[in-house]
All heavy atoms as atom14 arrays in JSON, in Angstrom:
{
  "sequence": "SRWNNKRKIYAHIKNLGGEVKYISKIAFREHIYAVEYLVDGVKQTK",
  "atom14_mask": [
    [1, 1, 1, 1, 1, 1, 0, 0, 0, 0, 0, 0, 0, 0],
    [1, 1, 1, 1, 1, 1, 1, 1, 1, 1, 1, 0, 0, 0],
    [1, 1, 1, 1, 1, 1, 1, 1, 1, 1, 1, 1, 1, 1],
    [1, 1, 1, 1, 1, 1, 1, 1, 0, 0, 0, 0, 0, 0],
    [1, 1, 1, 1, 1, 1, 1, 1, 0, 0, 0, 0, 0, 0],
    [1, 1, 1, 1, 1, 1, 1, 1, 1, 0, 0, 0, 0, 0],
    [1, 1, 1, 1, 1, 1, 1, 1, 1, 1, 1, 0, 0, 0],
    [1, 1, 1, 1, 1, 1, 1, 1, 1, 0, 0, 0, 0, 0],
    [1, 1, 1, 1, 1, 1, 1, 1, 0, 0, 0, 0, 0, 0],
    [1, 1, 1, 1, 1, 1, 1, 1, 1, 1, 1, 1, 0, 0],
    [1, 1, 1, 1, 1, 0, 0, 0, 0, 0, 0, 0, 0, 0],
    [1, 1, 1, 1, 1, 1, 1, 1, 1, 1, 0, 0, 0, 0],
    [1, 1, 1, 1, 1, 1, 1, 1, 0, 0, 0, 0, 0, 0],
    [1, 1, 1, 1, 1, 1, 1, 1, 1, 0, 0, 0, 0, 0],
    [1, 1, 1, 1, 1, 1, 1, 1, 0, 0, 0, 0, 0, 0],
    [1, 1, 1, 1, 1, 1, 1, 1, 0, 0, 0, 0, 0, 0],
    [1, 1, 1, 1, 0, 0, 0, 0, 0, 0, 0, 0, 0, 0],
    [1, 1, 1, 1, 0, 0, 0, 0, 0, 0, 0, 0, 0, 0],
    [1, 1, 1, 1, 1, 1, 1, 1, 1, 0, 0, 0, 0, 0],
    [1, 1, 1, 1, 1, 1, 1, 0, 0, 0, 0, 0, 0, 0],
    [1, 1, 1, 1, 1, 1, 1, 1, 1, 0, 0, 0, 0, 0],
    [1, 1, 1, 1, 1, 1, 1, 1, 1, 1, 1, 1, 0, 0],
    [1, 1, 1, 1, 1, 1, 1, 1, 0, 0, 0, 0, 0, 0],
    [1, 1, 1, 1, 1, 1, 0, 0, 0, 0, 0, 0, 0, 0],
    [1, 1, 1, 1, 1, 1, 1, 1, 1, 0, 0, 0, 0, 0],
    [1, 1, 1, 1, 1, 1, 1, 1, 0, 0, 0, 0, 0, 0],
    [1, 1, 1, 1, 1, 0, 0, 0, 0, 0, 0, 0, 0, 0],
    [1, 1, 1, 1, 1, 1, 1, 1, 1, 1, 1, 0, 0, 0],
    [1, 1, 1, 1, 1, 1, 1, 1, 1, 1, 1, 0, 0, 0],
    [1, 1, 1, 1, 1, 1, 1, 1, 1, 0, 0, 0, 0, 0],
    [1, 1, 1, 1, 1, 1, 1, 1, 1, 1, 0, 0, 0, 0],
    [1, 1, 1, 1, 1, 1, 1, 1, 0, 0, 0, 0, 0, 0],
    [1, 1, 1, 1, 1, 1, 1, 1, 1, 1, 1, 1, 0, 0],
    [1, 1, 1, 1, 1, 0, 0, 0, 0, 0, 0, 0, 0, 0],
    [1, 1, 1, 1, 1, 1, 1, 0, 0, 0, 0, 0, 0, 0],
    [1, 1, 1, 1, 1, 1, 1, 1, 1, 0, 0, 0, 0, 0],
    [1, 1, 1, 1, 1, 1, 1, 1, 1, 1, 1, 1, 0, 0],
    [1, 1, 1, 1, 1, 1, 1, 1, 0, 0, 0, 0, 0, 0],
    [1, 1, 1, 1, 1, 1, 1, 0, 0, 0, 0, 0, 0, 0],
    [1, 1, 1, 1, 1, 1, 1, 1, 0, 0, 0, 0, 0, 0],
    [1, 1, 1, 1, 0, 0, 0, 0, 0, 0, 0, 0, 0, 0],
    [1, 1, 1, 1, 1, 1, 1, 0, 0, 0, 0, 0, 0, 0],
    [1, 1, 1, 1, 1, 1, 1, 1, 1, 0, 0, 0, 0, 0],
    [1, 1, 1, 1, 1, 1, 1, 1, 1, 0, 0, 0, 0, 0],
    [1, 1, 1, 1, 1, 1, 1, 0, 0, 0, 0, 0, 0, 0],
    [1, 1, 1, 1, 1, 1, 1, 1, 1, 0, 0, 0, 0, 0]
  ],
  "atom14_positions": [
    [[-81.52, -201.12, 212.84], [-82.89, -201.23, 212.35], [-83.69, -202.24, 213.17], [-84.87, -202.02, 213.45], [-82.91, -201.6, 210.87], [-82.37, -202.87, 210.66], [0.0, 0.0, 0.0], [0.0, 0.0, 0.0], [0.0, 0.0, 0.0], [0.0, 0.0, 0.0], [0.0, 0.0, 0.0], [0.0, 0.0, 0.0], [0.0, 0.0, 0.0], [0.0, 0.0, 0.0]],
    [[-83.07, -203.36, 213.58], [-83.8, -204.31, 214.42], [-84.15, -203.71, 215.77], [-85.26, -203.89, 216.26], [-82.97, -205.58, 214.62], [-82.91, -206.41, 213.39], [-82.16, -207.68, 213.62], [-82.03, -208.4, 212.36], [-81.66, -209.64, 212.27], [-81.36, -210.32, 213.36], [-81.57, -210.22, 211.1], [0.0, 0.0, 0.0], [0.0, 0.0, 0.0], [0.0, 0.0, 0.0]],
    [[-83.22, -202.99, 216.37], [-83.48, -202.34, 217.66], [-84.59, -201.3, 217.5], [-85.51, -201.23, 218.32], [-82.21, -201.68, 218.17], [-82.43, -200.85, 219.39], [-82.56, -201.29, 220.67], [-82.58, -199.44, 219.43], [-82.77, -200.23, 221.51], [-82.79, -199.08, 220.77], [-82.55, -198.44, 218.47], [-82.98, -197.76, 221.16], [-82.74, -197.14, 218.85], [-82.95, -196.81, 220.19]],
    [[-84.53, -200.5, 216.43], [-85.51, -199.45, 216.21], [-86.88, -200.04, 215.89], [-87.91, -199.51, 216.34], [-85.05, -198.53, 215.08], [-85.86, -197.28, 215.0], [-86.21, -196.7, 216.02], [-86.17, -196.86, 213.79], [0.0, 0.0, 0.0], [0.0, 0.0, 0.0], [0.0, 0.0, 0.0], [0.0, 0.0, 0.0], [0.0, 0.0, 0.0], [0.0, 0.0, 0.0]],
    [[-86.94, -201.13, 215.13], [-88.22, -201.76, 214.82], [-88.91, -202.26, 216.08], [-90.11, -202.04, 216.26], [-88.0, -202.93, 213.85], [-87.56, -202.48, 212.48], [-87.65, -201.31, 212.14], [-87.05, -203.4, 211.71], [0.0, 0.0, 0.0], [0.0, 0.0, 0.0], [0.0, 0.0, 0.0], [0.0, 0.0, 0.0], [0.0, 0.0, 0.0], [0.0, 0.0, 0.0]],
    [[-88.17, -202.91, 216.95], [-88.78, -203.4, 218.19], [-89.22, -202.26, 219.08], [-90.26, -202.33, 219.73], [-87.81, -204.33, 218.92], [-87.65, -205.65, 218.21], [-86.82, -206.62, 218.98], [-86.74, -207.93, 218.21], [-85.97, -208.93, 218.92], [0.0, 0.0, 0.0], [0.0, 0.0, 0.0], [0.0, 0.0, 0.0], [0.0, 0.0, 0.0], [0.0, 0.0, 0.0]],
    [[-88.46, -201.17, 219.1], [-88.85, -200.0, 219.88], [-90.17, -199.42, 219.35], [-91.06, -199.07, 220.13], [-87.75, -198.95, 219.81], [-87.99, -197.73, 220.67], [-86.88, -196.7, 220.5], [-86.76, -196.23, 219.13], [-87.51, -195.26, 218.59], [-88.43, -194.67, 219.31], [-87.32, -194.88, 217.36], [0.0, 0.0, 0.0], [0.0, 0.0, 0.0], [0.0, 0.0, 0.0]],
    [[-90.32, -199.36, 218.02], [-91.55, -198.84, 217.43], [-92.74, -199.76, 217.7], [-93.86, -199.3, 217.94], [-91.38, -198.67, 215.91], [-90.58, -197.48, 215.52], [-90.54, -197.34, 214.01], [-89.85, -196.08, 213.58], [-89.91, -195.9, 212.12], [0.0, 0.0, 0.0], [0.0, 0.0, 0.0], [0.0, 0.0, 0.0], [0.0, 0.0, 0.0], [0.0, 0.0, 0.0]],
    [[-92.51, -201.07, 217.7], [-93.59, -202.02, 217.99], [-94.07, -201.85, 219.42], [-95.28, -201.76, 219.67], [-93.12, -203.47, 217.73], [-92.94, -203.71, 216.23], [-94.09, -204.47, 218.33], [-92.26, -205.02, 215.89], [0.0, 0.0, 0.0], [0.0, 0.0, 0.0], [0.0, 0.0, 0.0], [0.0, 0.0, 0.0], [0.0, 0.0, 0.0], [0.0, 0.0, 0.0]],
    [[-93.14, -201.78, 220.37], [-93.53, -201.59, 221.77], [-94.29, -200.27, 221.96], [-95.28, -200.22, 222.7], [-92.3, -201.63, 222.68], [-91.87, -203.03, 223.05], [-90.79, -203.63, 222.44], [-92.55, -203.74, 224.04], [-90.4, -204.91, 222.78], [-92.16, -205.02, 224.39], [-91.09, -205.6, 223.76], [-90.7, -206.87, 224.1], [0.0, 0.0, 0.0], [0.0, 0.0, 0.0]],
    [[-93.85, -199.21, 221.3], [-94.52, -197.91, 221.43], [-95.93, -197.97, 220.85], [-96.87, -197.41, 221.42], [-93.7, -196.83, 220.74], [0.0, 0.0, 0.0], [0.0, 0.0, 0.0], [0.0, 0.0, 0.0], [0.0, 0.0, 0.0], [0.0, 0.0, 0.0], [0.0, 0.0, 0.0], [0.0, 0.0, 0.0], [0.0, 0.0, 0.0], [0.0, 0.0, 0.0]],
    [[-96.1, -198.63, 219.71], [-97.42, -198.72, 219.07], [-98.4, -199.5, 219.94], [-99.54, -199.06, 220.13], [-97.28, -199.39, 217.69], [-98.57, -199.51, 216.96], [-99.12, -198.46, 216.27], [-99.43, -200.55, 216.81], [-100.26, -198.85, 215.72], [-100.46, -200.13, 216.04], [0.0, 0.0, 0.0], [0.0, 0.0, 0.0], [0.0, 0.0, 0.0], [0.0, 0.0, 0.0]],
    [[-97.96, -200.63, 220.48], [-98.84, -201.44, 221.33], [-99.15, -200.7, 222.63], [-100.27, -200.77, 223.13], [-98.21, -202.82, 221.6], [-97.97, -203.58, 220.29], [-99.06, -203.64, 222.55], [-99.21, -203.82, 219.46], [0.0, 0.0, 0.0], [0.0, 0.0, 0.0], [0.0, 0.0, 0.0], [0.0, 0.0, 0.0], [0.0, 0.0, 0.0], [0.0, 0.0, 0.0]],
    [[-98.2, -199.97, 223.16], [-98.45, -199.19, 224.37], [-99.49, -198.1, 224.11], [-100.34, -197.84, 224.96], [-97.15, -198.57, 224.87], [-97.29, -197.88, 226.2], [-95.96, -197.36, 226.69], [-96.13, -196.67, 228.02], [-94.87, -196.11, 228.51], [0.0, 0.0, 0.0], [0.0, 0.0, 0.0], [0.0, 0.0, 0.0], [0.0, 0.0, 0.0], [0.0, 0.0, 0.0]],
    [[-99.45, -197.49, 222.92], [-100.47, -196.48, 222.58], [-101.85, -197.09, 222.45], [-102.85, -196.4, 222.67], [-100.1, -195.78, 221.27], [-98.96, -194.81, 221.44], [-98.65, -194.39, 222.55], [-98.31, -194.46, 220.35], [0.0, 0.0, 0.0], [0.0, 0.0, 0.0], [0.0, 0.0, 0.0], [0.0, 0.0, 0.0], [0.0, 0.0, 0.0], [0.0, 0.0, 0.0]],
    [[-101.92, -198.38, 222.1], [-103.21, -199.07, 222.05], [-103.71, -199.45, 223.44], [-104.84, -199.89, 223.59], [-103.1, -200.34, 221.2], [-102.84, -200.16, 219.71], [-102.65, -201.53, 219.05], [-103.98, -199.42, 219.06], [0.0, 0.0, 0.0], [0.0, 0.0, 0.0], [0.0, 0.0, 0.0], [0.0, 0.0, 0.0], [0.0, 0.0, 0.0], [0.0, 0.0, 0.0]],
    [[-102.85, -199.29, 224.43], [-103.21, -199.68, 225.79], [-102.93, -201.14, 226.06], [-103.56, -201.74, 226.93], [0.0, 0.0, 0.0], [0.0, 0.0, 0.0], [0.0, 0.0, 0.0], [0.0, 0.0, 0.0], [0.0, 0.0, 0.0], [0.0, 0.0, 0.0], [0.0, 0.0, 0.0], [0.0, 0.0, 0.0], [0.0, 0.0, 0.0], [0.0, 0.0, 0.0]],
    [[-101.99, -201.71, 225.33], [-101.7, -203.13, 225.46], [-100.32, -203.41, 226.0], [-99.55, -202.51, 226.32], [0.0, 0.0, 0.0], [0.0, 0.0, 0.0], [0.0, 0.0, 0.0], [0.0, 0.0, 0.0], [0.0, 0.0, 0.0], [0.0, 0.0, 0.0], [0.0, 0.0, 0.0], [0.0, 0.0, 0.0], [0.0, 0.0, 0.0], [0.0, 0.0, 0.0]],
    [[-100.03, -204.7, 226.08], [-98.74, -205.17, 226.59], [-98.24, -206.25, 225.63], [-98.96, -207.2, 225.32], [-98.93, -205.75, 227.98], [-97.73, -206.43, 228.55], [-98.05, -207.12, 229.86], [-99.1, -206.84, 230.47], [-97.25, -207.96, 230.26], [0.0, 0.0, 0.0], [0.0, 0.0, 0.0], [0.0, 0.0, 0.0], [0.0, 0.0, 0.0], [0.0, 0.0, 0.0]],
    [[-97.02, -206.12, 225.17], [-96.44, -207.07, 224.22], [-96.08, -208.36, 224.94], [-95.41, -208.34, 225.97], [-95.19, -206.47, 223.53], [-94.52, -207.49, 222.64], [-95.54, -205.23, 222.76], [0.0, 0.0, 0.0], [0.0, 0.0, 0.0], [0.0, 0.0, 0.0], [0.0, 0.0, 0.0], [0.0, 0.0, 0.0], [0.0, 0.0, 0.0], [0.0, 0.0, 0.0]],
    [[-96.54, -209.5, 224.4], [-96.18, -210.8, 224.94], [-94.89, -211.3, 224.28], [-93.98, -211.72, 224.96], [-97.3, -211.82, 224.72], [-98.57, -211.51, 225.5], [-98.32, -211.52, 226.97], [-98.26, -212.93, 227.47], [-98.08, -213.05, 228.91], [0.0, 0.0, 0.0], [0.0, 0.0, 0.0], [0.0, 0.0, 0.0], [0.0, 0.0, 0.0], [0.0, 0.0, 0.0]],
    [[-94.85, -211.31, 222.96], [-93.62, -211.69, 222.27], [-93.61, -211.12, 220.85], [-94.64, -210.81, 220.27], [-93.4, -213.2, 222.25], [-94.26, -213.97, 221.28], [-93.86, -214.15, 219.95], [-95.46, -214.53, 221.66], [-94.64, -214.84, 219.06], [-96.25, -215.24, 220.79], [-95.83, -215.4, 219.47], [-96.61, -216.09, 218.6], [0.0, 0.0, 0.0], [0.0, 0.0, 0.0]],
    [[-92.41, -211.0, 220.32], [-92.19, -210.53, 218.95], [-91.3, -211.56, 218.28], [-90.25, -211.93, 218.81], [-91.48, -209.16, 218.93], [-92.31, -208.11, 219.65], [-91.2, -208.72, 217.5], [-91.59, -206.79, 219.85], [0.0, 0.0, 0.0], [0.0, 0.0, 0.0], [0.0, 0.0, 0.0], [0.0, 0.0, 0.0], [0.0, 0.0, 0.0], [0.0, 0.0, 0.0]],
    [[-91.72, -212.04, 217.11], [-90.87, -212.98, 216.38], [-90.72, -212.49, 214.94], [-91.67, -212.0, 214.33], [-91.45, -214.39, 216.4], [-92.7, -214.41, 215.75], [0.0, 0.0, 0.0], [0.0, 0.0, 0.0], [0.0, 0.0, 0.0], [0.0, 0.0, 0.0], [0.0, 0.0, 0.0], [0.0, 0.0, 0.0], [0.0, 0.0, 0.0], [0.0, 0.0, 0.0]],
    [[-89.52, -212.62, 214.42], [-89.23, -212.2, 213.05], [-89.65, -213.32, 212.12], [-89.23, -214.46, 212.29], [-87.75, -211.87, 212.9], [-87.43, -211.24, 211.58], [-86.04, -210.68, 211.56], [-85.84, -210.01, 210.2], [-84.58, -209.36, 210.1], [0.0, 0.0, 0.0], [0.0, 0.0, 0.0], [0.0, 0.0, 0.0], [0.0, 0.0, 0.0], [0.0, 0.0, 0.0]],
    [[-90.47, -213.0, 211.12], [-91.0, -214.01, 210.22], [-90.06, -214.24, 209.03], [-89.74, -215.37, 208.7], [-92.4, -213.59, 209.71], [-93.37, -213.56, 210.88], [-92.88, -214.54, 208.64], [-94.74, -213.06, 210.52], [0.0, 0.0, 0.0], [0.0, 0.0, 0.0], [0.0, 0.0, 0.0], [0.0, 0.0, 0.0], [0.0, 0.0, 0.0], [0.0, 0.0, 0.0]],
    [[-89.63, -213.17, 208.39], [-88.83, -213.29, 207.18], [-87.37, -212.97, 207.47], [-87.06, -212.06, 208.23], [-89.37, -212.35, 206.1], [0.0, 0.0, 0.0], [0.0, 0.0, 0.0], [0.0, 0.0, 0.0], [0.0, 0.0, 0.0], [0.0, 0.0, 0.0], [0.0, 0.0, 0.0], [0.0, 0.0, 0.0], [0.0, 0.0, 0.0], [0.0, 0.0, 0.0]],
    [[-86.47, -213.72, 206.82], [-85.05, -213.5, 207.04], [-84.56, -212.24, 206.32], [-83.83, -211.45, 206.89], [-84.27, -214.72, 206.55], [-82.78, -214.55, 206.64], [-82.16, -214.56, 207.88], [-82.02, -214.37, 205.51], [-80.79, -214.4, 207.98], [-80.64, -214.22, 205.6], [-80.04, -214.23, 206.83], [0.0, 0.0, 0.0], [0.0, 0.0, 0.0], [0.0, 0.0, 0.0]],
    [[-84.97, -212.04, 205.08], [-84.45, -210.93, 204.29], [-85.24, -209.64, 204.5], [-84.69, -208.56, 204.4], [-84.47, -211.29, 202.81], [-83.52, -212.42, 202.51], [-83.47, -212.7, 201.06], [-82.67, -211.67, 200.43], [-82.41, -211.63, 199.15], [-82.89, -212.57, 198.37], [-81.68, -210.68, 198.64], [0.0, 0.0, 0.0], [0.0, 0.0, 0.0], [0.0, 0.0, 0.0]],
    [[-86.52, -209.76, 204.77], [-87.34, -208.57, 204.98], [-87.59, -208.39, 206.47], [-87.5, -209.32, 207.25], [-88.67, -208.7, 204.23], [-88.52, -208.77, 202.73], [-89.86, -208.78, 202.05], [-90.62, -207.83, 202.26], [-90.12, -209.73, 201.32], [0.0, 0.0, 0.0], [0.0, 0.0, 0.0], [0.0, 0.0, 0.0], [0.0, 0.0, 0.0], [0.0, 0.0, 0.0]],
    [[-87.95, -207.18, 206.84], [-88.22, -206.89, 208.25], [-89.72, -207.03, 208.5], [-90.46, -206.06, 208.54], [-87.74, -205.47, 208.58], [-86.26, -205.3, 208.42], [-85.36, -205.75, 209.35], [-85.53, -204.77, 207.42], [-84.14, -205.49, 208.95], [-84.21, -204.89, 207.77], [0.0, 0.0, 0.0], [0.0, 0.0, 0.0], [0.0, 0.0, 0.0], [0.0, 0.0, 0.0]],
    [[-90.15, -208.28, 208.66], [-91.55, -208.61, 208.94], [-91.6, -209.33, 210.28], [-90.88, -210.31, 210.49], [-92.16, -209.48, 207.83], [-92.06, -208.77, 206.48], [-93.6, -209.82, 208.16], [-92.5, -209.62, 205.32], [0.0, 0.0, 0.0], [0.0, 0.0, 0.0], [0.0, 0.0, 0.0], [0.0, 0.0, 0.0], [0.0, 0.0, 0.0], [0.0, 0.0, 0.0]],
    [[-92.44, -208.84, 211.18], [-92.52, -209.39, 212.52], [-93.96, -209.8, 212.83], [-94.92, -209.14, 212.42], [-92.1, -208.35, 213.56], [-90.68, -207.89, 213.42], [-90.34, -206.81, 212.61], [-89.66, -208.52, 214.12], [-89.04, -206.38, 212.49], [-88.35, -208.11, 214.01], [-88.04, -207.04, 213.2], [-86.74, -206.61, 213.08], [0.0, 0.0, 0.0], [0.0, 0.0, 0.0]],
    [[-94.11, -210.88, 213.6], [-95.39, -211.28, 214.17], [-95.38, -210.83, 215.62], [-94.43, -211.11, 216.35], [-95.59, -212.78, 214.08], [0.0, 0.0, 0.0], [0.0, 0.0, 0.0], [0.0, 0.0, 0.0], [0.0, 0.0, 0.0], [0.0, 0.0, 0.0], [0.0, 0.0, 0.0], [0.0, 0.0, 0.0], [0.0, 0.0, 0.0], [0.0, 0.0, 0.0]],
    [[-96.42, -210.13, 216.02], [-96.48, -209.55, 217.37], [-97.71, -210.11, 218.07], [-98.82, -210.02, 217.56], [-96.57, -208.01, 217.31], [-96.6, -207.42, 218.7], [-95.44, -207.43, 216.48], [0.0, 0.0, 0.0], [0.0, 0.0, 0.0], [0.0, 0.0, 0.0], [0.0, 0.0, 0.0], [0.0, 0.0, 0.0], [0.0, 0.0, 0.0], [0.0, 0.0, 0.0]],
    [[-97.5, -210.69, 219.23], [-98.61, -211.13, 220.07], [-98.65, -210.22, 221.28], [-97.64, -210.0, 221.94], [-98.42, -212.58, 220.5], [-99.61, -213.11, 221.27], [-99.46, -214.58, 221.59], [-99.38, -215.38, 220.65], [-99.42, -214.89, 222.79], [0.0, 0.0, 0.0], [0.0, 0.0, 0.0], [0.0, 0.0, 0.0], [0.0, 0.0, 0.0], [0.0, 0.0, 0.0]],
    [[-99.85, -209.71, 221.57], [-99.99, -208.76, 222.67], [-101.34, -208.91, 223.34], [-102.25, -209.55, 222.8], [-99.79, -207.33, 222.15], [-100.78, -206.88, 221.1], [-101.89, -206.13, 221.43], [-100.59, -207.21, 219.77], [-102.79, -205.72, 220.47], [-101.48, -206.81, 218.79], [-102.59, -206.06, 219.15], [-103.48, -205.66, 218.2], [0.0, 0.0, 0.0], [0.0, 0.0, 0.0]],
    [[-101.45, -208.32, 224.52], [-102.69, -208.34, 225.29], [-103.26, -206.94, 225.4], [-102.53, -205.99, 225.7], [-102.44, -208.87, 226.71], [-102.01, -210.31, 226.87], [-101.64, -210.58, 228.32], [-103.12, -211.23, 226.43], [0.0, 0.0, 0.0], [0.0, 0.0, 0.0], [0.0, 0.0, 0.0], [0.0, 0.0, 0.0], [0.0, 0.0, 0.0], [0.0, 0.0, 0.0]],
    [[-104.55, -206.82, 225.13], [-105.27, -205.57, 225.36], [-106.5, -205.92, 226.18], [-107.36, -206.69, 225.73], [-105.68, -204.89, 224.04], [-106.54, -203.66, 224.31], [-104.48, -204.51, 223.22], [0.0, 0.0, 0.0], [0.0, 0.0, 0.0], [0.0, 0.0, 0.0], [0.0, 0.0, 0.0], [0.0, 0.0, 0.0], [0.0, 0.0, 0.0], [0.0, 0.0, 0.0]],
    [[-106.56, -205.4, 227.39], [-107.67, -205.69, 228.32], [-107.81, -207.19, 228.56], [-108.92, -207.71, 228.63], [-108.99, -205.1, 227.82], [-108.94, -203.59, 227.73], [-108.22, -202.97, 228.55], [-109.6, -203.02, 226.84], [0.0, 0.0, 0.0], [0.0, 0.0, 0.0], [0.0, 0.0, 0.0], [0.0, 0.0, 0.0], [0.0, 0.0, 0.0], [0.0, 0.0, 0.0]],
    [[-106.7, -207.91, 228.63], [-106.73, -209.33, 228.9], [-107.06, -210.2, 227.71], [-107.15, -211.41, 227.83], [0.0, 0.0, 0.0], [0.0, 0.0, 0.0], [0.0, 0.0, 0.0], [0.0, 0.0, 0.0], [0.0, 0.0, 0.0], [0.0, 0.0, 0.0], [0.0, 0.0, 0.0], [0.0, 0.0, 0.0], [0.0, 0.0, 0.0], [0.0, 0.0, 0.0]],
    [[-107.25, -209.61, 226.53], [-107.57, -210.36, 225.32], [-106.31, -210.48, 224.47], [-105.69, -209.47, 224.13], [-108.69, -209.66, 224.52], [-108.99, -210.43, 223.24], [-109.93, -209.51, 225.36], [0.0, 0.0, 0.0], [0.0, 0.0, 0.0], [0.0, 0.0, 0.0], [0.0, 0.0, 0.0], [0.0, 0.0, 0.0], [0.0, 0.0, 0.0], [0.0, 0.0, 0.0]],
    [[-105.95, -211.72, 224.13], [-104.76, -211.95, 223.32], [-105.05, -211.65, 221.86], [-106.05, -212.12, 221.31], [-104.3, -213.4, 223.47], [-103.01, -213.71, 222.73], [-102.48, -215.08, 223.06], [-103.21, -216.1, 222.22], [-102.61, -217.44, 222.28], [0.0, 0.0, 0.0], [0.0, 0.0, 0.0], [0.0, 0.0, 0.0], [0.0, 0.0, 0.0], [0.0, 0.0, 0.0]],
    [[-104.19, -210.84, 221.24], [-104.34, -210.5, 219.83], [-103.0, -210.68, 219.13], [-101.94, -210.6, 219.76], [-104.81, -209.06, 219.68], [-106.17, -208.81, 220.29], [-106.61, -207.37, 220.13], [-105.93, -206.57, 219.52], [-107.77, -207.05, 220.67], [0.0, 0.0, 0.0], [0.0, 0.0, 0.0], [0.0, 0.0, 0.0], [0.0, 0.0, 0.0], [0.0, 0.0, 0.0]],
    [[-103.05, -210.91, 217.84], [-101.84, -211.09, 217.04], [-101.93, -210.22, 215.8], [-102.97, -210.16, 215.14], [-101.68, -212.56, 216.6], [-101.71, -213.39, 217.76], [-100.38, -212.77, 215.86], [0.0, 0.0, 0.0], [0.0, 0.0, 0.0], [0.0, 0.0, 0.0], [0.0, 0.0, 0.0], [0.0, 0.0, 0.0], [0.0, 0.0, 0.0], [0.0, 0.0, 0.0]],
    [[-100.86, -209.52, 215.51], [-100.77, -208.7, 214.3], [-99.43, -208.93, 213.64], [-98.47, -209.38, 214.26], [-100.92, -207.22, 214.63], [-102.32, -206.83, 215.01], [-102.57, -205.41, 214.67], [-104.03, -205.13, 214.98], [-104.54, -204.04, 214.27], [0.0, 0.0, 0.0], [0.0, 0.0, 0.0], [0.0, 0.0, 0.0], [0.0, 0.0, 0.0], [0.0, 0.0, 0.0]]
  ]
}
């Protein structure tokens, strides 16, 4: 599930036309991730 979640995050950001800077897991028990990425040189976080 961790491998698949990261694969889905990279695919989603790529569809937005962006590049993933880093992914960090926020919650230990739940699968919640903070994603920082660049789209057209603008840093965004989701």
